[in-house]
Structures are given as C-alpha cells and as structure tokens.
Amino acid sequence: MRAAWNGEVRRVSRDEEGWQVEVDHGGGMATVYGHLGEVQVREGEAVKLGQPVGTVGAGGRAHFEVKVNGRSDSPLEWLSRTR
C-alpha cells in the first residue's frame, strides 16, 4: 500500500489482523492502512505521496481509512481531491 498524500507516520501497531500504519496529513486529517503483512515506514518518518507504507497481508485484503478530526470519513470523496 502507498501513502495517499504527504504526511508523517503517527503510529505503527500490530493486532490480530496484521500491522497498521496511521499517517498524519495535517489539518486534522489522517489515513490508516491496515491488514498489512510488513511495514516499510517508522513512527515519526515523513512520507511522500505514493511512497510504500507496507505490504498487503497474507489474507490478501487491505484496509484503507480516512479520518478527519478523529472521525472516519468517505475515502472515495477524499481520493478525488488534490491535497
């Protein structure tokens, strides 16, 4: 999976479904990449648009979420915008 916009890695964590990466994009916006098999970034690292943040896990599915001020929002609406 690749970063949707420029930002800074806020959190890297692991749960029963794999690794999860949260990227802070400023202005109250963050993206979450979940069900990762491997992580390719570290907390505090700056990431650029399109930079790999991790690989899809063994289950073959991935999770992508957009958060605005801590609340989930429609990823499709945000992906059509330029940040």
C-alpha atoms as a PDB file:
ATOM      1  CA  MET A   1       0.000   0.000   0.000  1.00  0.00           C
ATOM      2  CA  ARG A   2       1.170   3.519  -0.754  1.00  0.00           C
ATOM      3  CA  ALA A   3       0.681   6.838   1.033  1.00  0.00           C
ATOM      4  CA  ALA A   4      -2.340   8.708  -0.317  1.00  0.00           C
ATOM      5  CA  TRP A   5      -0.757  12.109   0.434  1.00  0.00           C
ATOM      6  CA  ASN A   6       2.363  13.611   2.008  1.00  0.00           C
ATOM      7  CA  GLY A   7       2.461  13.326   5.789  1.00  0.00           C
ATOM      8  CA  GLU A   8       4.161  11.952   8.881  1.00  0.00           C
ATOM      9  CA  VAL A   9       3.791   8.465  10.327  1.00  0.00           C
ATOM     10  CA  ARG A  10       1.929   8.950  13.610  1.00  0.00           C
ATOM     11  CA  ARG A  11       1.582   5.327  14.698  1.00  0.00           C
ATOM     12  CA  VAL A  12       2.678   1.814  13.767  1.00  0.00           C
ATOM     13  CA  SER A  13       0.930  -1.005  15.628  1.00  0.00           C
ATOM     14  CA  ARG A  14       0.043  -4.664  15.310  1.00  0.00           C
ATOM     15  CA  ASP A  15      -3.131  -6.574  16.131  1.00  0.00           C
ATOM     16  CA  GLU A  16      -4.597  -9.988  15.267  1.00  0.00           C
ATOM     17  CA  GLU A  17      -5.266  -8.863  11.682  1.00  0.00           C
ATOM     18  CA  GLY A  18      -1.749  -7.609  10.942  1.00  0.00           C
ATOM     19  CA  TRP A  19       0.171  -4.372  11.042  1.00  0.00           C
ATOM     20  CA  GLN A  20      -1.478  -0.962  10.940  1.00  0.00           C
ATOM     21  CA  VAL A  21       0.043   2.391   9.965  1.00  0.00           C
ATOM     22  CA  GLU A  22      -1.531   5.785  10.653  1.00  0.00           C
ATOM     23  CA  VAL A  23      -0.251   8.806   8.712  1.00  0.00           C
ATOM     24  CA  ASP A  24      -0.974  12.384   9.828  1.00  0.00           C
ATOM     25  CA  HIS A  25      -1.524  14.749   6.892  1.00  0.00           C
ATOM     26  CA  GLY A  26      -2.104  17.911   8.932  1.00  0.00           C
ATOM     27  CA  GLY A  27      -5.249  19.971   9.316  1.00  0.00           C
ATOM     28  CA  GLY A  28      -6.933  17.212  11.328  1.00  0.00           C
ATOM     29  CA  MET A  29      -6.645  14.661   8.525  1.00  0.00           C
ATOM     30  CA  ALA A  30      -5.090  11.195   8.792  1.00  0.00           C
ATOM     31  CA  THR A  31      -5.110   7.970   6.800  1.00  0.00           C
ATOM     32  CA  VAL A  32      -4.986   4.443   8.202  1.00  0.00           C
ATOM     33  CA  TYR A  33      -3.537   1.463   6.328  1.00  0.00           C
ATOM     34  CA  GLY A  34      -4.426  -1.883   7.901  1.00  0.00           C
ATOM     35  CA  HIS A  35      -4.135  -5.661   7.488  1.00  0.00           C
ATOM     36  CA  LEU A  36      -0.510  -5.173   6.448  1.00  0.00           C
ATOM     37  CA  GLY A  37       1.920  -8.077   6.251  1.00  0.00           C
ATOM     38  CA  GLU A  38       5.033  -5.909   6.516  1.00  0.00           C
ATOM     39  CA  VAL A  39       5.587  -2.272   7.417  1.00  0.00           C
ATOM     40  CA  GLN A  40       8.004  -0.163   5.377  1.00  0.00           C
ATOM     41  CA  VAL A  41       7.966   3.030   7.489  1.00  0.00           C
ATOM     42  CA  ARG A  42       8.685   4.042  11.102  1.00  0.00           C
ATOM     43  CA  GLU A  43       6.875   6.301  13.562  1.00  0.00           C
ATOM     44  CA  GLY A  44       7.915   9.916  13.071  1.00  0.00           C
ATOM     45  CA  GLU A  45       9.063   9.344   9.489  1.00  0.00           C
ATOM     46  CA  ALA A  46       7.975  11.798   6.792  1.00  0.00           C
ATOM     47  CA  VAL A  47       6.254  10.086   3.856  1.00  0.00           C
ATOM     48  CA  LYS A  48       5.576  11.354   0.365  1.00  0.00           C
ATOM     49  CA  LEU A  49       2.585  10.786  -1.886  1.00  0.00           C
ATOM     50  CA  GLY A  50       2.900   7.317  -3.407  1.00  0.00           C
ATOM     51  CA  GLN A  51       5.603   6.096  -1.024  1.00  0.00           C
ATOM     52  CA  PRO A  52       5.119   2.469   0.092  1.00  0.00           C
ATOM     53  CA  VAL A  53       3.985   2.217   3.733  1.00  0.00           C
ATOM     54  CA  GLY A  54       3.506  -1.568   3.838  1.00  0.00           C
ATOM     55  CA  THR A  55       2.576  -4.731   2.003  1.00  0.00           C
ATOM     56  CA  VAL A  56      -0.825  -6.409   1.887  1.00  0.00           C
ATOM     57  CA  GLY A  57      -1.026  -9.227   4.433  1.00  0.00           C
ATOM     58  CA  ALA A  58      -1.254 -12.955   3.767  1.00  0.00           C
ATOM     59  CA  GLY A  59      -5.062 -12.787   3.774  1.00  0.00           C
ATOM     60  CA  GLY A  60      -4.878 -10.810   0.522  1.00  0.00           C
ATOM     61  CA  ARG A  61      -7.045  -7.978   1.752  1.00  0.00           C
ATOM     62  CA  ALA A  62      -6.180  -4.494   2.919  1.00  0.00           C
ATOM     63  CA  HIS A  63      -7.856  -1.730   4.890  1.00  0.00           C
ATOM     64  CA  PHE A  64      -7.743   1.963   3.970  1.00  0.00           C
ATOM     65  CA  GLU A  65      -9.461   4.610   6.054  1.00  0.00           C
ATOM     66  CA  VAL A  66      -9.582   8.410   6.031  1.00  0.00           C
ATOM     67  CA  LYS A  67     -10.053  10.187   9.363  1.00  0.00           C
ATOM     68  CA  VAL A  68     -10.954  13.845   9.722  1.00  0.00           C
ATOM     69  CA  ASN A  69     -10.637  15.211  13.257  1.00  0.00           C
ATOM     70  CA  GLY A  70     -10.554  11.619  14.553  1.00  0.00           C
ATOM     71  CA  ARG A  71     -13.744  10.507  12.782  1.00  0.00           C
ATOM     72  CA  SER A  72     -13.945   8.160   9.801  1.00  0.00           C
ATOM     73  CA  ASP A  73     -14.890   9.792   6.507  1.00  0.00           C
ATOM     74  CA  SER A  74     -15.521   8.526   2.967  1.00  0.00           C
ATOM     75  CA  PRO A  75     -12.195   7.607   1.314  1.00  0.00           C
ATOM     76  CA  LEU A  76     -13.701   7.934  -2.170  1.00  0.00           C
ATOM     77  CA  GLU A  77     -14.590  11.580  -1.596  1.00  0.00           C
ATOM     78  CA  TRP A  78     -11.080  12.430  -0.384  1.00  0.00           C
ATOM     79  CA  LEU A  79      -9.198  10.465  -3.035  1.00  0.00           C
ATOM     80  CA  SER A  80     -10.803  12.556  -5.757  1.00  0.00           C
ATOM     81  CA  ARG A  81      -9.310  15.715  -4.184  1.00  0.00           C
ATOM     82  CA  THR A  82      -5.786  17.019  -4.537  1.00  0.00           C
ATOM     83  CA  ARG A  83      -4.043  17.509  -1.195  1.00  0.00           C
END
